C-alpha atoms as a PDB file:
ATOM      1  CA  MET A   1      59.826 290.222 145.601  1.00  0.00           C
ATOM      2  CA  PHE A   2      59.448 287.444 142.899  1.00  0.00           C
ATOM      3  CA  GLU A   3      59.879 284.789 145.557  1.00  0.00           C
ATOM      4  CA  LEU A   4      57.077 286.325 147.718  1.00  0.00           C
ATOM      5  CA  PHE A   5      54.885 286.199 144.649  1.00  0.00           C
ATOM      6  CA  LEU A   6      55.672 282.520 144.027  1.00  0.00           C
ATOM      7  CA  VAL A   7      55.045 281.654 147.781  1.00  0.00           C
ATOM      8  CA  MET A   8      51.747 283.615 147.593  1.00  0.00           C
ATOM      9  CA  MET A   9      50.782 281.794 144.292  1.00  0.00           C
ATOM     10  CA  ALA A  10      51.758 278.435 145.966  1.00  0.00           C
ATOM     11  CA  LEU A  11      49.528 279.134 149.024  1.00  0.00           C
ATOM     12  CA  THR A  12      46.533 280.565 147.237  1.00  0.00           C
ATOM     13  CA  SER A  13      46.433 278.313 144.163  1.00  0.00           C
ATOM     14  CA  PRO A  14      44.666 275.232 146.092  1.00  0.00           C
ATOM     15  CA  ILE A  15      42.232 277.596 147.476  1.00  0.00           C
ATOM     16  CA  LEU A  16      41.406 279.251 144.146  1.00  0.00           C
ATOM     17  CA  VAL A  17      41.152 275.827 142.399  1.00  0.00           C
ATOM     18  CA  ALA A  18      38.722 274.674 145.210  1.00  0.00           C
ATOM     19  CA  ILE A  19      36.502 277.800 144.617  1.00  0.00           C
ATOM     20  CA  PHE A  20      36.565 277.208 140.780  1.00  0.00           C
ATOM     21  CA  VAL A  21      35.654 273.499 141.136  1.00  0.00           C
ATOM     22  CA  ARG A  22      32.880 273.988 143.718  1.00  0.00           C
ATOM     23  CA  ASN A  23      31.444 276.770 141.374  1.00  0.00           C
ATOM     24  CA  TYR A  24      31.644 274.526 138.557  1.00  0.00           C
ATOM     25  CA  PHE A  25      29.733 271.672 140.152  1.00  0.00           C
ATOM     26  CA  ASN A  26      27.104 274.108 141.504  1.00  0.00           C
ATOM     27  CA  TYR A  27      26.492 275.379 138.051  1.00  0.00           C
ATOM     28  CA  LYS A  28      26.259 271.876 136.695  1.00  0.00           C
ATOM     29  CA  SER A  29      23.894 270.967 139.297  1.00  0.00           C
ATOM     30  CA  GLU A  30      21.774 273.965 138.575  1.00  0.00           C
ATOM     31  CA  VAL A  31      21.703 273.265 134.825  1.00  0.00           C
ATOM     32  CA  ASN A  32      20.858 269.545 135.396  1.00  0.00           C
ATOM     33  CA  GLN A  33      17.713 270.666 137.464  1.00  0.00           C
ATOM     34  CA  LYS A  34      16.466 273.072 134.970  1.00  0.00           C
ATOM     35  CA  LEU A  35      16.971 270.384 132.134  1.00  0.00           C
ATOM     36  CA  LEU A  36      15.001 267.925 134.201  1.00  0.00           C
ATOM     37  CA  ALA A  37      12.176 270.388 134.657  1.00  0.00           C
ATOM     38  CA  LEU A  38      12.010 271.155 130.899  1.00  0.00           C
ATOM     39  CA  GLN A  39      11.985 267.604 130.099  1.00  0.00           C
ATOM     40  CA  LYS A  40       9.112 266.900 132.427  1.00  0.00           C
ATOM     41  CA  GLU A  41       7.278 269.846 131.227  1.00  0.00           C
ATOM     42  CA  ASN A  42       7.767 268.491 127.545  1.00  0.00           C
ATOM     43  CA  ASP A  43       6.645 264.960 128.618  1.00  0.00           C
ATOM     44  CA  THR A  44       3.639 266.471 130.225  1.00  0.00           C
ATOM     45  CA  ASN A  45       2.696 268.386 126.910  1.00  0.00           C
ATOM     46  CA  THR A  46       3.338 265.295 124.892  1.00  0.00           C
ATOM     47  CA  THR A  47       1.009 263.343 127.031  1.00  0.00           C
ATOM     48  CA  ILE A  48      -1.725 266.012 126.568  1.00  0.00           C
ATOM     49  CA  VAL A  49      -1.336 265.980 122.842  1.00  0.00           C
ATOM     50  CA  MET A  50      -1.275 262.248 122.470  1.00  0.00           C
ATOM     51  CA  GLN A  51      -4.476 262.066 124.763  1.00  0.00           C
ATOM     52  CA  LYS A  52      -6.284 264.492 122.374  1.00  0.00           C
ATOM     53  CA  LYS A  53      -5.238 262.532 119.401  1.00  0.00           C
ATOM     54  CA  LEU A  54      -6.404 259.315 120.992  1.00  0.00           C
ATOM     55  CA  ASP A  55      -9.774 260.790 121.974  1.00  0.00           C
ATOM     56  CA  ILE A  56     -10.267 261.849 118.251  1.00  0.00           C
ATOM     57  CA  LEU A  57      -9.298 258.470 116.833  1.00  0.00           C
ATOM     58  CA  THR A  58     -11.694 256.750 119.409  1.00  0.00           C
ATOM     59  CA  ASP A  59     -14.551 258.910 118.283  1.00  0.00           C
ATOM     60  CA  ARG A  60     -13.732 258.041 114.655  1.00  0.00           C
ATOM     61  CA  VAL A  61     -13.623 254.489 115.504  1.00  0.00           C
ATOM     62  CA  ILE A  62     -16.943 254.547 117.261  1.00  0.00           C
ATOM     63  CA  VAL A  63     -18.534 256.167 114.133  1.00  0.00           C
ATOM     64  CA  LEU A  64     -17.046 253.735 111.888  1.00  0.00           C
ATOM     65  CA  GLU A  65     -18.241 250.718 113.961  1.00  0.00           C
ATOM     66  CA  LYS A  66     -21.790 252.340 113.841  1.00  0.00           C
ATOM     67  CA  ILE A  67     -21.666 252.724 110.124  1.00  0.00           C
ATOM     68  CA  VAL A  68     -20.681 248.950 109.747  1.00  0.00           C
ATOM     69  CA  THR A  69     -23.134 247.575 112.134  1.00  0.00           C
ATOM     70  CA  ASN A  70     -26.151 249.772 111.553  1.00  0.00           C
ATOM     71  CA  SER A  71     -27.636 250.131 107.946  1.00  0.00           C
ATOM     72  CA  ASN A  72     -30.033 252.888 109.137  1.00  0.00           C
ATOM     73  CA  ILE A  73     -27.470 255.612 109.578  1.00  0.00           C
ATOM     74  CA  ASP A  74     -26.878 258.232 106.904  1.00  0.00           C
ATOM     75  CA  LEU A  75     -23.462 257.346 105.613  1.00  0.00           C
ATOM     76  CA  SER A  76     -22.543 260.690 104.135  1.00  0.00           C
ATOM     77  CA  GLN A  77     -23.698 262.621 107.319  1.00  0.00           C
ATOM     78  CA  GLU A  78     -21.660 260.476 109.504  1.00  0.00           C
ATOM     79  CA  ILE A  79     -18.594 260.706 107.288  1.00  0.00           C
ATOM     80  CA  SER A  80     -18.759 264.404 107.221  1.00  0.00           C
ATOM     81  CA  ARG A  81     -18.932 264.774 111.038  1.00  0.00           C
ATOM     82  CA  LEU A  82     -15.658 262.930 110.969  1.00  0.00           C
END
């Protein structure tokens, strides 16, 4: 009886190992795809935030250039708008 068990284990072990290996690589592939999607989403959000900051800073530089080049502008009003 024990010999039959050993024979069955010897015959089914490679099949079980192949199944486990295939499932492992499928799982790893799915996780990598999800990770790439999250990284892409994060990059997109970072780009949007950086663009907003750039717009704000550009507006500030424009106002500062106006202040420096034009003496008719009310300085305190322009600074308060920043």
